[in-house]
Amino acid sequence: MRELRPRYALEDFVEQVQRQIVNDGFLLAYLEADGEVRAAAGYRFGENLHHGRYLYVDDLITREADRSRGFGEKLFAWLVAEARRRDCAALTLDSGVQRFAAHRFYLARRMAIASHHFVLELTSAS
């Protein structure tokens, strides 16, 4: 996860994840091979009028050294199976506009670009 979210120091990352687990039902999954974590995902379940019940992927990352070795594909397939097992109508995620390799990965797995995600940053400096 550090490769995807480098702004967090380890201590801050752990605190943030613990808050998300308690407040939002955040879950972590990972794929391990040869005693090392190769890919990880942060996800949660939700429900809304648009999809009904859905699995939302907050974070999906394969270690840079392990990309194109099938780890991300296996973890993604597990997330899809988990969504189906939990009776979800959809698996959704947002991906930064600059993450072209990730977009190719998602499109190859038949995901559709279904909307634009707009953000208004509300920091104390704004």
N, C-alpha and C. Protein backbone atom coordinates (compact mmCIF):
# COMPACT_ATOMS: atom_id res chain seq x y z
N MET A 1 0.82 -1.20 0.00
CA MET A 1 0.00 0.00 0.00
C MET A 1 0.86 1.26 0.00
N ARG A 2 2.06 1.13 0.53
CA ARG A 2 2.93 2.30 0.58
C ARG A 2 3.24 2.84 -0.81
N GLU A 3 3.33 1.97 -1.82
CA GLU A 3 3.59 2.44 -3.19
C GLU A 3 2.42 3.27 -3.71
N LEU A 4 1.20 2.91 -3.32
CA LEU A 4 0.02 3.63 -3.78
C LEU A 4 -0.24 4.89 -2.95
N ARG A 5 0.06 4.83 -1.67
CA ARG A 5 -0.20 5.95 -0.75
C ARG A 5 1.08 6.36 -0.02
N PRO A 6 2.06 6.88 -0.75
CA PRO A 6 3.36 7.20 -0.12
C PRO A 6 3.34 8.36 0.86
N ARG A 7 2.27 9.14 0.87
CA ARG A 7 2.24 10.31 1.76
C ARG A 7 2.12 9.92 3.23
N TYR A 8 1.73 8.69 3.51
CA TYR A 8 1.54 8.25 4.89
C TYR A 8 2.81 7.64 5.47
N ALA A 9 3.20 8.12 6.64
CA ALA A 9 4.20 7.42 7.43
C ALA A 9 3.51 6.16 7.95
N LEU A 10 4.27 5.12 8.24
CA LEU A 10 3.69 3.85 8.67
C LEU A 10 2.73 4.01 9.84
N GLU A 11 3.11 4.76 10.84
CA GLU A 11 2.27 4.96 12.02
C GLU A 11 0.95 5.64 11.66
N ASP A 12 1.03 6.66 10.81
CA ASP A 12 -0.18 7.37 10.38
C ASP A 12 -1.07 6.47 9.53
N PHE A 13 -0.44 5.65 8.69
CA PHE A 13 -1.19 4.73 7.84
C PHE A 13 -2.00 3.75 8.70
N VAL A 14 -1.36 3.18 9.69
CA VAL A 14 -2.03 2.21 10.58
C VAL A 14 -3.19 2.88 11.30
N GLU A 15 -2.98 4.08 11.82
CA GLU A 15 -4.06 4.80 12.50
C GLU A 15 -5.22 5.08 11.56
N GLN A 16 -4.91 5.50 10.34
CA GLN A 16 -5.96 5.80 9.35
C GLN A 16 -6.76 4.55 9.03
N VAL A 17 -6.08 3.44 8.78
CA VAL A 17 -6.76 2.19 8.45
C VAL A 17 -7.64 1.74 9.62
N GLN A 18 -7.13 1.85 10.83
CA GLN A 18 -7.93 1.46 12.00
C GLN A 18 -9.20 2.30 12.13
N ARG A 19 -9.10 3.61 11.86
CA ARG A 19 -10.29 4.47 11.88
C ARG A 19 -11.29 4.03 10.82
N GLN A 20 -10.80 3.74 9.63
CA GLN A 20 -11.68 3.34 8.54
C GLN A 20 -12.36 1.99 8.85
N ILE A 21 -11.65 1.09 9.49
CA ILE A 21 -12.24 -0.20 9.87
C ILE A 21 -13.39 0.03 10.83
N VAL A 22 -13.16 0.85 11.85
CA VAL A 22 -14.18 1.10 12.87
C VAL A 22 -15.34 1.92 12.31
N ASN A 23 -15.04 2.98 11.58
CA ASN A 23 -16.08 3.92 11.14
C ASN A 23 -16.81 3.51 9.87
N ASP A 24 -16.11 2.81 8.96
CA ASP A 24 -16.67 2.58 7.63
C ASP A 24 -16.75 1.11 7.23
N GLY A 25 -16.35 0.20 8.09
CA GLY A 25 -16.35 -1.21 7.72
C GLY A 25 -15.28 -1.58 6.72
N PHE A 26 -14.22 -0.79 6.67
CA PHE A 26 -13.10 -1.02 5.75
C PHE A 26 -12.48 -2.39 6.01
N LEU A 27 -12.12 -3.07 4.94
CA LEU A 27 -11.50 -4.39 5.03
C LEU A 27 -10.23 -4.40 4.20
N LEU A 28 -9.30 -5.25 4.58
CA LEU A 28 -8.06 -5.41 3.83
C LEU A 28 -7.95 -6.85 3.36
N ALA A 29 -7.47 -7.03 2.14
CA ALA A 29 -7.18 -8.35 1.61
C ALA A 29 -5.81 -8.26 0.95
N TYR A 30 -5.10 -9.38 0.94
CA TYR A 30 -3.81 -9.38 0.28
C TYR A 30 -3.54 -10.74 -0.33
N LEU A 31 -2.64 -10.75 -1.29
CA LEU A 31 -2.21 -11.97 -1.92
C LEU A 31 -0.73 -12.15 -1.58
N GLU A 32 -0.42 -13.30 -1.04
CA GLU A 32 0.94 -13.59 -0.60
C GLU A 32 1.50 -14.72 -1.46
N ALA A 33 2.79 -14.62 -1.78
CA ALA A 33 3.50 -15.68 -2.48
C ALA A 33 4.93 -15.71 -1.95
N ASP A 34 5.42 -16.89 -1.67
CA ASP A 34 6.77 -17.07 -1.15
C ASP A 34 7.03 -16.23 0.09
N GLY A 35 6.01 -16.11 0.95
CA GLY A 35 6.17 -15.40 2.21
C GLY A 35 6.16 -13.89 2.11
N GLU A 36 5.83 -13.35 0.94
CA GLU A 36 5.79 -11.89 0.77
C GLU A 36 4.45 -11.45 0.22
N VAL A 37 3.97 -10.31 0.69
CA VAL A 37 2.74 -9.72 0.14
C VAL A 37 3.07 -9.17 -1.23
N ARG A 38 2.32 -9.62 -2.23
CA ARG A 38 2.56 -9.21 -3.62
C ARG A 38 1.54 -8.19 -4.10
N ALA A 39 0.30 -8.29 -3.57
CA ALA A 39 -0.77 -7.38 -3.96
C ALA A 39 -1.68 -7.19 -2.75
N ALA A 40 -2.32 -6.02 -2.68
CA ALA A 40 -3.20 -5.73 -1.55
C ALA A 40 -4.39 -4.91 -2.04
N ALA A 41 -5.48 -5.03 -1.28
CA ALA A 41 -6.68 -4.27 -1.60
C ALA A 41 -7.34 -3.81 -0.31
N GLY A 42 -7.83 -2.59 -0.32
CA GLY A 42 -8.69 -2.06 0.73
C GLY A 42 -10.06 -1.91 0.12
N TYR A 43 -11.09 -2.40 0.79
CA TYR A 43 -12.42 -2.37 0.21
C TYR A 43 -13.47 -2.29 1.31
N ARG A 44 -14.70 -2.00 0.89
CA ARG A 44 -15.82 -1.93 1.82
C ARG A 44 -17.11 -2.20 1.06
N PHE A 45 -18.12 -2.49 1.80
CA PHE A 45 -19.44 -2.73 1.21
C PHE A 45 -20.32 -1.53 1.48
N GLY A 46 -21.20 -1.25 0.55
CA GLY A 46 -22.13 -0.15 0.72
C GLY A 46 -23.42 -0.43 -0.04
N GLU A 47 -24.31 0.51 0.05
CA GLU A 47 -25.57 0.41 -0.65
C GLU A 47 -26.01 1.82 -1.02
N ASN A 48 -26.49 1.96 -2.24
CA ASN A 48 -27.02 3.25 -2.67
C ASN A 48 -28.12 3.03 -3.69
N LEU A 49 -28.77 4.11 -4.08
CA LEU A 49 -29.87 4.01 -5.04
C LEU A 49 -29.38 3.63 -6.43
N HIS A 50 -28.18 4.02 -6.77
CA HIS A 50 -27.66 3.76 -8.11
C HIS A 50 -27.39 2.28 -8.35
N HIS A 51 -26.66 1.63 -7.45
CA HIS A 51 -26.26 0.23 -7.64
C HIS A 51 -27.03 -0.75 -6.78
N GLY A 52 -27.64 -0.30 -5.72
CA GLY A 52 -28.10 -1.24 -4.69
C GLY A 52 -26.88 -1.60 -3.85
N ARG A 53 -26.72 -2.87 -3.52
CA ARG A 53 -25.56 -3.30 -2.72
C ARG A 53 -24.33 -3.40 -3.64
N TYR A 54 -23.19 -2.88 -3.18
CA TYR A 54 -21.98 -2.88 -3.98
C TYR A 54 -20.75 -3.11 -3.11
N LEU A 55 -19.69 -3.55 -3.73
CA LEU A 55 -18.36 -3.61 -3.12
C LEU A 55 -17.57 -2.47 -3.74
N TYR A 56 -17.03 -1.60 -2.90
CA TYR A 56 -16.23 -0.47 -3.37
C TYR A 56 -14.77 -0.74 -3.03
N VAL A 57 -13.91 -0.68 -4.03
CA VAL A 57 -12.47 -0.87 -3.85
C VAL A 57 -11.84 0.50 -3.64
N ASP A 58 -11.38 0.75 -2.42
CA ASP A 58 -10.68 2.00 -2.12
C ASP A 58 -9.27 2.00 -2.71
N ASP A 59 -8.59 0.87 -2.56
CA ASP A 59 -7.20 0.76 -2.96
C ASP A 59 -6.95 -0.63 -3.53
N LEU A 60 -6.24 -0.69 -4.64
CA LEU A 60 -5.82 -1.97 -5.22
C LEU A 60 -4.42 -1.75 -5.77
N ILE A 61 -3.49 -2.51 -5.27
CA ILE A 61 -2.10 -2.29 -5.66
C ILE A 61 -1.35 -3.62 -5.73
N THR A 62 -0.53 -3.74 -6.75
CA THR A 62 0.45 -4.82 -6.84
C THR A 62 1.82 -4.15 -6.73
N ARG A 63 2.70 -4.78 -5.95
CA ARG A 63 4.04 -4.21 -5.83
C ARG A 63 4.63 -4.00 -7.22
N GLU A 64 5.31 -2.88 -7.40
CA GLU A 64 5.86 -2.55 -8.71
C GLU A 64 6.72 -3.69 -9.25
N ALA A 65 7.52 -4.31 -8.40
CA ALA A 65 8.40 -5.40 -8.82
C ALA A 65 7.63 -6.65 -9.24
N ASP A 66 6.35 -6.73 -8.85
CA ASP A 66 5.55 -7.93 -9.13
C ASP A 66 4.47 -7.71 -10.17
N ARG A 67 4.45 -6.57 -10.82
CA ARG A 67 3.41 -6.30 -11.81
C ARG A 67 3.58 -7.18 -13.03
N SER A 68 2.47 -7.48 -13.68
CA SER A 68 2.41 -8.33 -14.87
C SER A 68 2.80 -9.78 -14.57
N ARG A 69 2.63 -10.20 -13.33
CA ARG A 69 2.90 -11.58 -12.95
C ARG A 69 1.64 -12.31 -12.49
N GLY A 70 0.46 -11.64 -12.64
CA GLY A 70 -0.81 -12.28 -12.35
C GLY A 70 -1.33 -12.07 -10.94
N PHE A 71 -0.55 -11.41 -10.07
CA PHE A 71 -1.00 -11.22 -8.69
C PHE A 71 -2.21 -10.29 -8.61
N GLY A 72 -2.15 -9.18 -9.32
CA GLY A 72 -3.28 -8.24 -9.32
C GLY A 72 -4.52 -8.89 -9.90
N GLU A 73 -4.37 -9.66 -10.95
CA GLU A 73 -5.50 -10.33 -11.57
C GLU A 73 -6.15 -11.32 -10.61
N LYS A 74 -5.34 -12.06 -9.87
CA LYS A 74 -5.89 -13.02 -8.90
C LYS A 74 -6.62 -12.30 -7.77
N LEU A 75 -6.05 -11.22 -7.28
CA LEU A 75 -6.71 -10.48 -6.20
C LEU A 75 -7.99 -9.83 -6.71
N PHE A 76 -7.96 -9.29 -7.92
CA PHE A 76 -9.16 -8.69 -8.50
C PHE A 76 -10.26 -9.75 -8.65
N ALA A 77 -9.90 -10.93 -9.13
CA ALA A 77 -10.88 -12.01 -9.28
C ALA A 77 -11.45 -12.40 -7.92
N TRP A 78 -10.62 -12.39 -6.88
CA TRP A 78 -11.13 -12.69 -5.54
C TRP A 78 -12.13 -11.63 -5.09
N LEU A 79 -11.84 -10.36 -5.36
CA LEU A 79 -12.76 -9.28 -5.00
C LEU A 79 -14.10 -9.44 -5.72
N VAL A 80 -14.06 -9.79 -7.00
CA VAL A 80 -15.30 -10.02 -7.76
C VAL A 80 -16.08 -11.17 -7.14
N ALA A 81 -15.39 -12.26 -6.83
CA ALA A 81 -16.06 -13.41 -6.21
C ALA A 81 -16.65 -13.04 -4.85
N GLU A 82 -15.92 -12.25 -4.09
CA GLU A 82 -16.41 -11.81 -2.77
C GLU A 82 -17.65 -10.93 -2.93
N ALA A 83 -17.66 -10.05 -3.92
CA ALA A 83 -18.84 -9.22 -4.18
C ALA A 83 -20.03 -10.09 -4.54
N ARG A 84 -19.81 -11.08 -5.36
CA ARG A 84 -20.91 -11.99 -5.73
C ARG A 84 -21.38 -12.78 -4.51
N ARG A 85 -20.44 -13.27 -3.73
CA ARG A 85 -20.77 -14.05 -2.53
C ARG A 85 -21.62 -13.24 -1.56
N ARG A 86 -21.37 -11.93 -1.51
CA ARG A 86 -22.10 -11.05 -0.59
C ARG A 86 -23.31 -10.39 -1.27
N ASP A 87 -23.73 -10.94 -2.38
CA ASP A 87 -24.94 -10.50 -3.10
C ASP A 87 -24.88 -9.04 -3.56
N CYS A 88 -23.73 -8.62 -4.02
CA CYS A 88 -23.59 -7.26 -4.55
C CYS A 88 -24.01 -7.21 -6.02
N ALA A 89 -24.59 -6.09 -6.40
CA ALA A 89 -24.97 -5.87 -7.79
C ALA A 89 -23.81 -5.31 -8.60
N ALA A 90 -22.77 -4.77 -7.93
CA ALA A 90 -21.68 -4.14 -8.65
C ALA A 90 -20.41 -4.14 -7.80
N LEU A 91 -19.29 -4.09 -8.48
CA LEU A 91 -17.99 -3.80 -7.88
C LEU A 91 -17.57 -2.47 -8.49
N THR A 92 -17.25 -1.49 -7.65
CA THR A 92 -16.91 -0.16 -8.15
C THR A 92 -15.58 0.30 -7.57
N LEU A 93 -14.97 1.23 -8.27
CA LEU A 93 -13.74 1.86 -7.78
C LEU A 93 -13.52 3.16 -8.52
N ASP A 94 -12.71 4.00 -7.96
CA ASP A 94 -12.25 5.22 -8.62
C ASP A 94 -10.76 5.03 -8.90
N SER A 95 -10.29 5.60 -9.99
CA SER A 95 -8.88 5.51 -10.33
C SER A 95 -8.41 6.87 -10.81
N GLY A 96 -7.29 7.32 -10.30
CA GLY A 96 -6.75 8.62 -10.69
C GLY A 96 -6.58 8.73 -12.19
N VAL A 97 -6.87 9.89 -12.74
CA VAL A 97 -6.84 10.07 -14.19
C VAL A 97 -5.46 9.81 -14.79
N GLN A 98 -4.42 9.91 -13.99
CA GLN A 98 -3.06 9.72 -14.47
C GLN A 98 -2.60 8.26 -14.47
N ARG A 99 -3.41 7.35 -13.96
CA ARG A 99 -3.00 5.95 -13.77
C ARG A 99 -3.36 5.10 -14.99
N PHE A 100 -2.70 5.37 -16.10
CA PHE A 100 -3.04 4.73 -17.37
C PHE A 100 -2.88 3.21 -17.34
N ALA A 101 -1.84 2.71 -16.70
CA ALA A 101 -1.65 1.26 -16.62
C ALA A 101 -2.78 0.60 -15.83
N ALA A 102 -3.22 1.26 -14.76
CA ALA A 102 -4.34 0.73 -13.98
C ALA A 102 -5.61 0.72 -14.82
N HIS A 103 -5.81 1.76 -15.62
CA HIS A 103 -7.00 1.82 -16.46
C HIS A 103 -7.00 0.68 -17.48
N ARG A 104 -5.86 0.39 -18.08
CA ARG A 104 -5.78 -0.74 -19.01
C ARG A 104 -6.15 -2.05 -18.30
N PHE A 105 -5.65 -2.20 -17.06
CA PHE A 105 -5.95 -3.38 -16.26
C PHE A 105 -7.45 -3.51 -16.05
N TYR A 106 -8.11 -2.43 -15.63
CA TYR A 106 -9.55 -2.48 -15.35
C TYR A 106 -10.36 -2.71 -16.62
N LEU A 107 -10.00 -2.04 -17.68
CA LEU A 107 -10.73 -2.21 -18.94
C LEU A 107 -10.58 -3.63 -19.47
N ALA A 108 -9.42 -4.23 -19.29
CA ALA A 108 -9.20 -5.61 -19.73
C ALA A 108 -10.06 -6.59 -18.94
N ARG A 109 -10.52 -6.18 -17.77
CA ARG A 109 -11.39 -7.02 -16.94
C ARG A 109 -12.86 -6.62 -17.10
N ARG A 110 -13.15 -5.98 -18.21
CA ARG A 110 -14.51 -5.60 -18.61
C ARG A 110 -15.17 -4.59 -17.70
N MET A 111 -14.39 -3.80 -16.98
CA MET A 111 -14.98 -2.70 -16.22
C MET A 111 -15.26 -1.56 -17.20
N ALA A 112 -16.31 -0.82 -16.93
CA ALA A 112 -16.68 0.32 -17.77
C ALA A 112 -16.35 1.61 -17.04
N ILE A 113 -15.97 2.61 -17.79
CA ILE A 113 -15.82 3.95 -17.23
C ILE A 113 -17.23 4.53 -17.19
N ALA A 114 -17.83 4.51 -16.01
CA ALA A 114 -19.25 4.80 -15.88
C ALA A 114 -19.56 6.24 -15.49
N SER A 115 -18.58 6.97 -14.95
CA SER A 115 -18.86 8.34 -14.53
C SER A 115 -17.56 9.08 -14.30
N HIS A 116 -17.69 10.37 -14.12
CA HIS A 116 -16.58 11.20 -13.67
C HIS A 116 -16.75 11.41 -12.17
N HIS A 117 -15.67 11.44 -11.46
CA HIS A 117 -15.71 11.66 -10.01
C HIS A 117 -15.17 13.06 -9.76
N PHE A 118 -15.97 13.92 -9.19
CA PHE A 118 -15.57 15.30 -8.92
C PHE A 118 -15.25 15.47 -7.46
N VAL A 119 -14.26 16.30 -7.16
CA VAL A 119 -13.81 16.51 -5.78
C VAL A 119 -13.66 18.00 -5.52
N LEU A 120 -14.14 18.45 -4.40
CA LEU A 120 -13.88 19.79 -3.89
C LEU A 120 -13.09 19.61 -2.62
N GLU A 121 -11.80 19.91 -2.66
CA GLU A 121 -10.95 19.75 -1.48
C GLU A 121 -11.35 20.78 -0.43
N LEU A 122 -11.55 20.34 0.78
CA LEU A 122 -11.99 21.21 1.88
C LEU A 122 -10.91 21.23 2.97
N THR A 123 -9.75 21.72 2.62
CA THR A 123 -8.66 21.80 3.60
C THR A 123 -8.70 23.13 4.31
N SER A 124 -8.01 23.23 5.42
CA SER A 124 -7.99 24.47 6.19
C SER A 124 -7.33 25.60 5.41
N ALA A 125 -6.49 25.27 4.43
CA ALA A 125 -5.83 26.30 3.63
C ALA A 125 -6.73 26.86 2.53
N SER A 126 -7.85 26.21 2.24
CA SER A 126 -8.73 26.64 1.14
C SER A 126 -9.64 27.76 1.57
